[in-house]
Amino acid sequence: MLLRLAAERATGALLRDRGTLYLVDGQVVHAESPAAPGIDVLLTAAGRLRSDSWQGALREAGADGRVGRHLVDSGRLSGGELEICHLGALFDAAFFALAPSSGPARFRYGVAHWIGAVRPVPAETVQRETLRRRALLDRLWAHPETDTAPVVPATRRPGARASPRQRAVLELADGTRTPGDIARALGRPAFHTLVDVRRLAAAGLVETPATAAPPEPPPEVVRVMEMSADPDVALLRRLRDALEATL
């Protein structure tokens, strides 16, 4: 759907389960997702912009969709700083917004975002980068449940080392914070935090969430299993039949 909208040079908002992409003339100009810190968090948590300066820009230029331009014109940010941070936020949110989903996608024509145009990105580039990031995570640690579960620190293995970035993640891994929570606390893109968490999991420094315990076998299966300590062909057939009956 994104590529079709790009071919149509559509302008508006593509709404999906896990986020929204904003298009102008078929190019992606912004993205938002509940799973990713917004550009405001990335700017203010890093100390590059005070929270009151951000709120002031929203009040003065939000209605006109010129918040980005206002931040540059007022001297609060340089054009390069805004562009780099905006692209980071865009690709971060797009990764989650374009994740496989069973929900329907909707497009609202004409809807614009208050940040305004900073640097449009071709839809093909956004899609390609999203797929590259998904493949990278799978190569690092092929357990996607790690991305959404609370990060649980593990007993440090002898010889296992964490980089300074990863140590900052470990300091917040208290068994209650998810990778998204940690990303917001650190003011970092969520995808970068997922990379850190999966690398830590691969090194044995955080635990992959335990899978659910297998269900207890139904009574009829238990009875069949208890009939004999020396299984024979007839017993195995009855066990097979009992198991198939429960599926």
C-alpha atoms as a PDB file:
ATOM      1  CA  MET A   1       0.000   0.000   0.000  1.00  0.00           C
ATOM      2  CA  LEU A   2       2.860   2.381   0.799  1.00  0.00           C
ATOM      3  CA  LEU A   3       4.439   1.849  -2.602  1.00  0.00           C
ATOM      4  CA  ARG A   4       1.085   2.283  -4.339  1.00  0.00           C
ATOM      5  CA  LEU A   5       0.553   5.590  -2.538  1.00  0.00           C
ATOM      6  CA  ALA A   6       4.054   6.638  -3.527  1.00  0.00           C
ATOM      7  CA  ALA A   7       3.285   5.852  -7.157  1.00  0.00           C
ATOM      8  CA  GLU A   8       0.137   7.977  -6.889  1.00  0.00           C
ATOM      9  CA  ARG A   9       2.159  10.837  -5.356  1.00  0.00           C
ATOM     10  CA  ALA A  10      -0.411  10.849  -2.572  1.00  0.00           C
ATOM     11  CA  THR A  11      -0.443  13.299   0.334  1.00  0.00           C
ATOM     12  CA  GLY A  12      -1.867  12.275   3.688  1.00  0.00           C
ATOM     13  CA  ALA A  13      -1.445   9.846   6.572  1.00  0.00           C
ATOM     14  CA  LEU A  14      -1.088   6.058   6.314  1.00  0.00           C
ATOM     15  CA  LEU A  15      -2.490   4.623   9.551  1.00  0.00           C
ATOM     16  CA  ARG A  16      -1.502   1.151  10.728  1.00  0.00           C
ATOM     17  CA  ASP A  17      -1.792  -0.775  13.979  1.00  0.00           C
ATOM     18  CA  ARG A  18       1.597   0.252  15.305  1.00  0.00           C
ATOM     19  CA  GLY A  19       2.105   3.705  13.853  1.00  0.00           C
ATOM     20  CA  THR A  20       1.461   6.309  11.191  1.00  0.00           C
ATOM     21  CA  LEU A  21       3.436   7.438   8.157  1.00  0.00           C
ATOM     22  CA  TYR A  22       2.893  10.920   6.712  1.00  0.00           C
ATOM     23  CA  LEU A  23       3.335  11.414   2.985  1.00  0.00           C
ATOM     24  CA  VAL A  24       3.657  14.488   0.774  1.00  0.00           C
ATOM     25  CA  ASP A  25       3.625  13.915  -2.976  1.00  0.00           C
ATOM     26  CA  GLY A  26       4.275  10.232  -2.367  1.00  0.00           C
ATOM     27  CA  GLN A  27       7.357  10.723  -0.189  1.00  0.00           C
ATOM     28  CA  VAL A  28       7.532   9.994   3.537  1.00  0.00           C
ATOM     29  CA  VAL A  29       7.984  13.220   5.510  1.00  0.00           C
ATOM     30  CA  HIS A  30       7.420  11.907   9.035  1.00  0.00           C
ATOM     31  CA  ALA A  31       6.493   8.806  11.039  1.00  0.00           C
ATOM     32  CA  GLU A  32       5.166   8.204  14.533  1.00  0.00           C
ATOM     33  CA  SER A  33       4.683   5.059  16.612  1.00  0.00           C
ATOM     34  CA  PRO A  34       3.730   4.400  20.236  1.00  0.00           C
ATOM     35  CA  ALA A  35       6.652   1.962  20.288  1.00  0.00           C
ATOM     36  CA  ALA A  36       9.263   4.625  19.459  1.00  0.00           C
ATOM     37  CA  PRO A  37      10.271   7.842  21.254  1.00  0.00           C
ATOM     38  CA  GLY A  38       9.207  10.877  19.251  1.00  0.00           C
ATOM     39  CA  ILE A  39      11.494  13.570  17.943  1.00  0.00           C
ATOM     40  CA  ASP A  40      10.628  15.679  20.997  1.00  0.00           C
ATOM     41  CA  VAL A  41      12.015  12.989  23.334  1.00  0.00           C
ATOM     42  CA  LEU A  42      15.155  12.537  21.244  1.00  0.00           C
ATOM     43  CA  LEU A  43      15.851  16.289  21.295  1.00  0.00           C
ATOM     44  CA  THR A  44      14.988  17.062  24.901  1.00  0.00           C
ATOM     45  CA  ALA A  45      16.395  13.939  26.576  1.00  0.00           C
ATOM     46  CA  ALA A  46      19.729  14.516  24.864  1.00  0.00           C
ATOM     47  CA  GLY A  47      19.755  18.044  26.280  1.00  0.00           C
ATOM     48  CA  ARG A  48      19.865  19.636  22.845  1.00  0.00           C
ATOM     49  CA  LEU A  49      16.536  21.386  23.383  1.00  0.00           C
ATOM     50  CA  ARG A  50      14.794  22.435  26.559  1.00  0.00           C
ATOM     51  CA  SER A  51      11.302  21.151  27.108  1.00  0.00           C
ATOM     52  CA  ASP A  52       9.876  24.692  27.349  1.00  0.00           C
ATOM     53  CA  SER A  53      11.514  25.587  24.008  1.00  0.00           C
ATOM     54  CA  TRP A  54       9.850  22.585  22.394  1.00  0.00           C
ATOM     55  CA  GLN A  55       6.470  23.460  23.869  1.00  0.00           C
ATOM     56  CA  GLY A  56       6.899  27.057  22.713  1.00  0.00           C
ATOM     57  CA  ALA A  57       7.591  25.927  19.151  1.00  0.00           C
ATOM     58  CA  LEU A  58       4.459  23.775  19.206  1.00  0.00           C
ATOM     59  CA  ARG A  59       2.336  26.695  20.384  1.00  0.00           C
ATOM     60  CA  GLU A  60       3.753  29.173  17.900  1.00  0.00           C
ATOM     61  CA  ALA A  61       4.031  27.032  14.772  1.00  0.00           C
ATOM     62  CA  GLY A  62       2.123  23.800  15.339  1.00  0.00           C
ATOM     63  CA  ALA A  63      -1.146  25.011  13.860  1.00  0.00           C
ATOM     64  CA  ASP A  64       0.642  26.031  10.667  1.00  0.00           C
ATOM     65  CA  GLY A  65       2.611  22.789  10.398  1.00  0.00           C
ATOM     66  CA  ARG A  66       5.946  24.622  10.629  1.00  0.00           C
ATOM     67  CA  VAL A  67       7.447  23.438  13.916  1.00  0.00           C
ATOM     68  CA  GLY A  68      10.658  22.235  12.293  1.00  0.00           C
ATOM     69  CA  ARG A  69      11.144  25.438  10.339  1.00  0.00           C
ATOM     70  CA  HIS A  70      10.378  27.505  13.437  1.00  0.00           C
ATOM     71  CA  LEU A  71      13.045  25.717  15.493  1.00  0.00           C
ATOM     72  CA  VAL A  72      15.652  26.546  12.853  1.00  0.00           C
ATOM     73  CA  ASP A  73      14.520  30.122  12.154  1.00  0.00           C
ATOM     74  CA  SER A  74      14.466  30.936  15.880  1.00  0.00           C
ATOM     75  CA  GLY A  75      18.021  29.678  16.307  1.00  0.00           C
ATOM     76  CA  ARG A  76      17.091  26.849  18.671  1.00  0.00           C
ATOM     77  CA  LEU A  77      18.488  24.240  16.278  1.00  0.00           C
ATOM     78  CA  SER A  78      20.671  24.280  13.211  1.00  0.00           C
ATOM     79  CA  GLY A  79      19.234  22.873  10.017  1.00  0.00           C
ATOM     80  CA  GLY A  80      21.660  19.946  10.123  1.00  0.00           C
ATOM     81  CA  GLU A  81      20.790  19.060  13.715  1.00  0.00           C
ATOM     82  CA  LEU A  82      17.091  19.050  12.970  1.00  0.00           C
ATOM     83  CA  GLU A  83      17.525  16.983   9.826  1.00  0.00           C
ATOM     84  CA  ILE A  84      19.655  14.302  11.508  1.00  0.00           C
ATOM     85  CA  CYS A  85      17.352  13.967  14.499  1.00  0.00           C
ATOM     86  CA  HIS A  86      14.247  13.993  12.313  1.00  0.00           C
ATOM     87  CA  LEU A  87      15.549  11.254  10.033  1.00  0.00           C
ATOM     88  CA  GLY A  88      16.437   9.164  13.074  1.00  0.00           C
ATOM     89  CA  ALA A  89      12.933   9.533  14.469  1.00  0.00           C
ATOM     90  CA  LEU A  90      11.346   8.863  11.070  1.00  0.00           C
ATOM     91  CA  PHE A  91      13.172   5.592  10.375  1.00  0.00           C
ATOM     92  CA  ASP A  92      12.753   4.488  13.986  1.00  0.00           C
ATOM     93  CA  ALA A  93       8.974   4.932  13.996  1.00  0.00           C
ATOM     94  CA  ALA A  94       8.607   3.588  10.448  1.00  0.00           C
ATOM     95  CA  PHE A  95      10.248   0.315  11.520  1.00  0.00           C
ATOM     96  CA  PHE A  96       7.389  -0.304  13.944  1.00  0.00           C
ATOM     97  CA  ALA A  97       4.630   1.201  11.815  1.00  0.00           C
ATOM     98  CA  LEU A  98       5.503  -1.101   8.912  1.00  0.00           C
ATOM     99  CA  ALA A  99       5.790  -4.242  11.036  1.00  0.00           C
ATOM    100  CA  PRO A 100       3.675  -7.219   9.897  1.00  0.00           C
ATOM    101  CA  SER A 101       0.157  -6.773  11.203  1.00  0.00           C
ATOM    102  CA  SER A 102      -3.222  -8.426  10.919  1.00  0.00           C
ATOM    103  CA  GLY A 103      -5.061  -5.131  11.219  1.00  0.00           C
ATOM    104  CA  PRO A 104      -6.243  -3.057   8.262  1.00  0.00           C
ATOM    105  CA  ALA A 105      -4.274  -0.104   6.910  1.00  0.00           C
ATOM    106  CA  ARG A 106      -6.093   3.149   6.190  1.00  0.00           C
ATOM    107  CA  PHE A 107      -5.045   6.273   4.323  1.00  0.00           C
ATOM    108  CA  ARG A 108      -6.441   9.684   5.139  1.00  0.00           C
ATOM    109  CA  TYR A 109      -5.862  12.027   2.242  1.00  0.00           C
ATOM    110  CA  GLY A 110      -4.760  15.564   2.946  1.00  0.00           C
ATOM    111  CA  VAL A 111      -3.665  15.030   6.562  1.00  0.00           C
ATOM    112  CA  ALA A 112      -0.419  16.818   7.440  1.00  0.00           C
ATOM    113  CA  HIS A 113       1.902  16.596  10.444  1.00  0.00           C
ATOM    114  CA  TRP A 114       2.744  19.604  12.586  1.00  0.00           C
ATOM    115  CA  ILE A 115       6.508  19.103  12.222  1.00  0.00           C
ATOM    116  CA  GLY A 116       6.297  20.211   8.591  1.00  0.00           C
ATOM    117  CA  ALA A 117       8.607  19.230   5.773  1.00  0.00           C
ATOM    118  CA  VAL A 118      12.179  18.654   6.943  1.00  0.00           C
ATOM    119  CA  ARG A 119      13.662  16.160   4.505  1.00  0.00           C
ATOM    120  CA  PRO A 120      11.300  13.924   2.522  1.00  0.00           C
ATOM    121  CA  VAL A 121      12.413  10.310   2.070  1.00  0.00           C
ATOM    122  CA  PRO A 122      11.364   8.076  -0.852  1.00  0.00           C
ATOM    123  CA  ALA A 123       8.926   5.372   0.218  1.00  0.00           C
ATOM    124  CA  GLU A 124      11.152   2.711  -1.350  1.00  0.00           C
ATOM    125  CA  THR A 125      14.028   3.828   0.887  1.00  0.00           C
ATOM    126  CA  VAL A 126      11.864   3.614   4.002  1.00  0.00           C
ATOM    127  CA  GLN A 127      10.648   0.145   3.082  1.00  0.00           C
ATOM    128  CA  ARG A 128      14.147  -1.094   2.243  1.00  0.00           C
ATOM    129  CA  GLU A 129      15.592   0.215   5.508  1.00  0.00           C
ATOM    130  CA  THR A 130      12.751  -1.366   7.495  1.00  0.00           C
ATOM    131  CA  LEU A 131      13.444  -4.767   5.944  1.00  0.00           C
ATOM    132  CA  ARG A 132      17.192  -4.379   6.532  1.00  0.00           C
ATOM    133  CA  ARG A 133      16.619  -3.623  10.205  1.00  0.00           C
ATOM    134  CA  ARG A 134      14.283  -6.572  10.641  1.00  0.00           C
ATOM    135  CA  ALA A 135      16.867  -8.907   9.090  1.00  0.00           C
ATOM    136  CA  LEU A 136      19.595  -7.464  11.326  1.00  0.00           C
ATOM    137  CA  LEU A 137      17.615  -8.206  14.483  1.00  0.00           C
ATOM    138  CA  ASP A 138      16.989 -11.774  13.341  1.00  0.00           C
ATOM    139  CA  ARG A 139      20.706 -12.294  12.744  1.00  0.00           C
ATOM    140  CA  LEU A 140      21.625 -10.960  16.168  1.00  0.00           C
ATOM    141  CA  TRP A 141      19.160 -13.022  18.221  1.00  0.00           C
ATOM    142  CA  ALA A 142      16.201 -14.728  16.575  1.00  0.00           C
ATOM    143  CA  HIS A 143      13.795 -14.307  19.479  1.00  0.00           C
ATOM    144  CA  PRO A 144      11.393 -11.416  18.723  1.00  0.00           C
ATOM    145  CA  GLU A 145       9.653 -11.792  22.084  1.00  0.00           C
ATOM    146  CA  THR A 146      12.729 -10.105  23.552  1.00  0.00           C
ATOM    147  CA  ASP A 147      11.640  -6.839  21.921  1.00  0.00           C
ATOM    148  CA  THR A 148       8.475  -6.377  23.956  1.00  0.00           C
ATOM    149  CA  ALA A 149       9.045  -8.240  27.223  1.00  0.00           C
ATOM    150  CA  PRO A 150      10.610  -6.677  30.341  1.00  0.00           C
ATOM    151  CA  VAL A 151      14.383  -6.868  30.199  1.00  0.00           C
ATOM    152  CA  VAL A 152      15.642  -9.251  32.869  1.00  0.00           C
ATOM    153  CA  PRO A 153      19.342  -9.077  33.764  1.00  0.00           C
ATOM    154  CA  ALA A 154      21.151 -12.408  33.922  1.00  0.00           C
ATOM    155  CA  THR A 155      24.118 -13.487  35.992  1.00  0.00           C
ATOM    156  CA  ARG A 156      27.171 -12.109  34.270  1.00  0.00           C
ATOM    157  CA  ARG A 157      29.061 -14.770  32.367  1.00  0.00           C
ATOM    158  CA  PRO A 158      32.852 -14.962  32.712  1.00  0.00           C
ATOM    159  CA  GLY A 159      34.422 -13.109  29.808  1.00  0.00           C
ATOM    160  CA  ALA A 160      31.140 -11.520  28.667  1.00  0.00           C
ATOM    161  CA  ARG A 161      31.587  -7.805  28.093  1.00  0.00           C
ATOM    162  CA  ALA A 162      29.163  -4.984  27.467  1.00  0.00           C
ATOM    163  CA  SER A 163      29.913  -1.769  25.610  1.00  0.00           C
ATOM    164  CA  PRO A 164      29.255   1.588  27.318  1.00  0.00           C
ATOM    165  CA  ARG A 165      25.987   1.855  25.378  1.00  0.00           C
ATOM    166  CA  GLN A 166      24.949  -1.599  26.493  1.00  0.00           C
ATOM    167  CA  ARG A 167      25.914  -0.923  30.109  1.00  0.00           C
ATOM    168  CA  ALA A 168      23.500   2.012  30.124  1.00  0.00           C
ATOM    169  CA  VAL A 169      20.773  -0.410  29.025  1.00  0.00           C
ATOM    170  CA  LEU A 170      21.772  -2.944  31.665  1.00  0.00           C
ATOM    171  CA  GLU A 171      21.545  -0.309  34.398  1.00  0.00           C
ATOM    172  CA  LEU A 172      17.849   0.130  33.574  1.00  0.00           C
ATOM    173  CA  ALA A 173      17.119  -3.583  33.121  1.00  0.00           C
ATOM    174  CA  ASP A 174      15.161  -4.162  36.313  1.00  0.00           C
ATOM    175  CA  GLY A 175      12.724  -6.845  35.148  1.00  0.00           C
ATOM    176  CA  THR A 176       9.896  -4.330  34.723  1.00  0.00           C
ATOM    177  CA  ARG A 177      11.103  -2.050  31.918  1.00  0.00           C
ATOM    178  CA  THR A 178      10.672  -3.150  28.316  1.00  0.00           C
ATOM    179  CA  PRO A 179      13.177  -2.128  25.621  1.00  0.00           C
ATOM    180  CA  GLY A 180      10.778   0.670  24.660  1.00  0.00           C
ATOM    181  CA  ASP A 181      10.718   1.948  28.240  1.00  0.00           C
ATOM    182  CA  ILE A 182      14.501   1.900  28.354  1.00  0.00           C
ATOM    183  CA  ALA A 183      14.736   3.763  25.044  1.00  0.00           C
ATOM    184  CA  ARG A 184      12.530   6.557  26.354  1.00  0.00           C
ATOM    185  CA  ALA A 185      14.440   6.781  29.620  1.00  0.00           C
ATOM    186  CA  LEU A 186      17.727   7.085  27.737  1.00  0.00           C
ATOM    187  CA  GLY A 187      16.358   9.331  24.997  1.00  0.00           C
ATOM    188  CA  ARG A 188      17.495   6.915  22.310  1.00  0.00           C
ATOM    189  CA  PRO A 189      15.768   5.492  19.232  1.00  0.00           C
ATOM    190  CA  ALA A 190      13.854   2.333  20.109  1.00  0.00           C
ATOM    191  CA  PHE A 191      15.391   0.268  17.313  1.00  0.00           C
ATOM    192  CA  HIS A 192      18.917   0.982  18.579  1.00  0.00           C
ATOM    193  CA  THR A 193      17.821  -0.235  21.998  1.00  0.00           C
ATOM    194  CA  LEU A 194      16.387  -3.414  20.468  1.00  0.00           C
ATOM    195  CA  VAL A 195      19.788  -4.038  18.885  1.00  0.00           C
ATOM    196  CA  ASP A 196      21.509  -3.582  22.256  1.00  0.00           C
ATOM    197  CA  VAL A 197      19.034  -5.871  24.018  1.00  0.00           C
ATOM    198  CA  ARG A 198      19.329  -8.632  21.431  1.00  0.00           C
ATOM    199  CA  ARG A 199      23.124  -8.438  21.542  1.00  0.00           C
ATOM    200  CA  LEU A 200      23.015  -8.610  25.326  1.00  0.00           C
ATOM    201  CA  ALA A 201      20.692 -11.611  25.097  1.00  0.00           C
ATOM    202  CA  ALA A 202      23.026 -13.343  22.664  1.00  0.00           C
ATOM    203  CA  ALA A 203      25.907 -12.719  25.088  1.00  0.00           C
ATOM    204  CA  GLY A 204      23.890 -14.142  27.968  1.00  0.00           C
ATOM    205  CA  LEU A 205      23.751 -10.842  29.855  1.00  0.00           C
ATOM    206  CA  VAL A 206      19.970 -10.552  29.744  1.00  0.00           C
ATOM    207  CA  GLU A 207      17.447 -13.339  29.688  1.00  0.00           C
ATOM    208  CA  THR A 208      15.104 -14.159  26.874  1.00  0.00           C
ATOM    209  CA  PRO A 209      11.568 -14.330  28.312  1.00  0.00           C
ATOM    210  CA  ALA A 210      10.709 -17.878  29.270  1.00  0.00           C
ATOM    211  CA  THR A 211       8.200 -19.591  27.071  1.00  0.00           C
ATOM    212  CA  ALA A 212       4.917 -20.611  28.610  1.00  0.00           C
ATOM    213  CA  ALA A 213       4.910 -23.964  30.350  1.00  0.00           C
ATOM    214  CA  PRO A 214       3.364 -26.729  28.250  1.00  0.00           C
ATOM    215  CA  PRO A 215      -0.225 -27.494  29.190  1.00  0.00           C
ATOM    216  CA  GLU A 216      -1.022 -30.533  31.300  1.00  0.00           C
ATOM    217  CA  PRO A 217      -2.087 -33.505  29.183  1.00  0.00           C
ATOM    218  CA  PRO A 218      -5.810 -34.246  29.244  1.00  0.00           C
ATOM    219  CA  PRO A 219      -7.013 -37.005  31.643  1.00  0.00           C
ATOM    220  CA  GLU A 220      -7.602 -39.532  28.873  1.00  0.00           C
ATOM    221  CA  VAL A 221      -3.991 -39.235  27.761  1.00  0.00           C
ATOM    222  CA  VAL A 222      -2.749 -39.609  31.326  1.00  0.00           C
ATOM    223  CA  ARG A 223      -4.798 -42.787  31.746  1.00  0.00           C
ATOM    224  CA  VAL A 224      -3.373 -44.276  28.561  1.00  0.00           C
ATOM    225  CA  MET A 225       0.149 -43.411  29.643  1.00  0.00           C
ATOM    226  CA  GLU A 226      -0.364 -45.091  32.992  1.00  0.00           C
ATOM    227  CA  MET A 227      -1.734 -48.342  31.541  1.00  0.00           C
ATOM    228  CA  SER A 228       1.674 -49.877  30.998  1.00  0.00           C
ATOM    229  CA  ALA A 229       5.300 -49.172  31.661  1.00  0.00           C
ATOM    230  CA  ASP A 230       6.200 -51.219  28.582  1.00  0.00           C
ATOM    231  CA  PRO A 231       4.545 -49.543  25.610  1.00  0.00           C
ATOM    232  CA  ASP A 232       3.577 -51.784  22.747  1.00  0.00           C
ATOM    233  CA  VAL A 233       2.104 -51.072  19.357  1.00  0.00           C
ATOM    234  CA  ALA A 234      -1.512 -51.146  20.583  1.00  0.00           C
ATOM    235  CA  LEU A 235      -0.724 -48.752  23.406  1.00  0.00           C
ATOM    236  CA  LEU A 236       1.048 -46.343  21.086  1.00  0.00           C
ATOM    237  CA  ARG A 237      -1.929 -46.393  18.751  1.00  0.00           C
ATOM    238  CA  ARG A 238      -4.297 -45.584  21.603  1.00  0.00           C
ATOM    239  CA  LEU A 239      -2.007 -42.782  22.723  1.00  0.00           C
ATOM    240  CA  ARG A 240      -1.901 -41.403  19.194  1.00  0.00           C
ATOM    241  CA  ASP A 241      -5.690 -41.528  18.918  1.00  0.00           C
ATOM    242  CA  ALA A 242      -6.117 -39.796  22.268  1.00  0.00           C
ATOM    243  CA  LEU A 243      -3.697 -37.049  21.311  1.00  0.00           C
ATOM    244  CA  GLU A 244      -5.382 -36.491  17.948  1.00  0.00           C
ATOM    245  CA  ALA A 245      -8.765 -36.281  19.683  1.00  0.00           C
ATOM    246  CA  THR A 246      -7.523 -33.331  21.765  1.00  0.00           C
ATOM    247  CA  LEU A 247      -6.241 -31.275  18.803  1.00  0.00           C
END
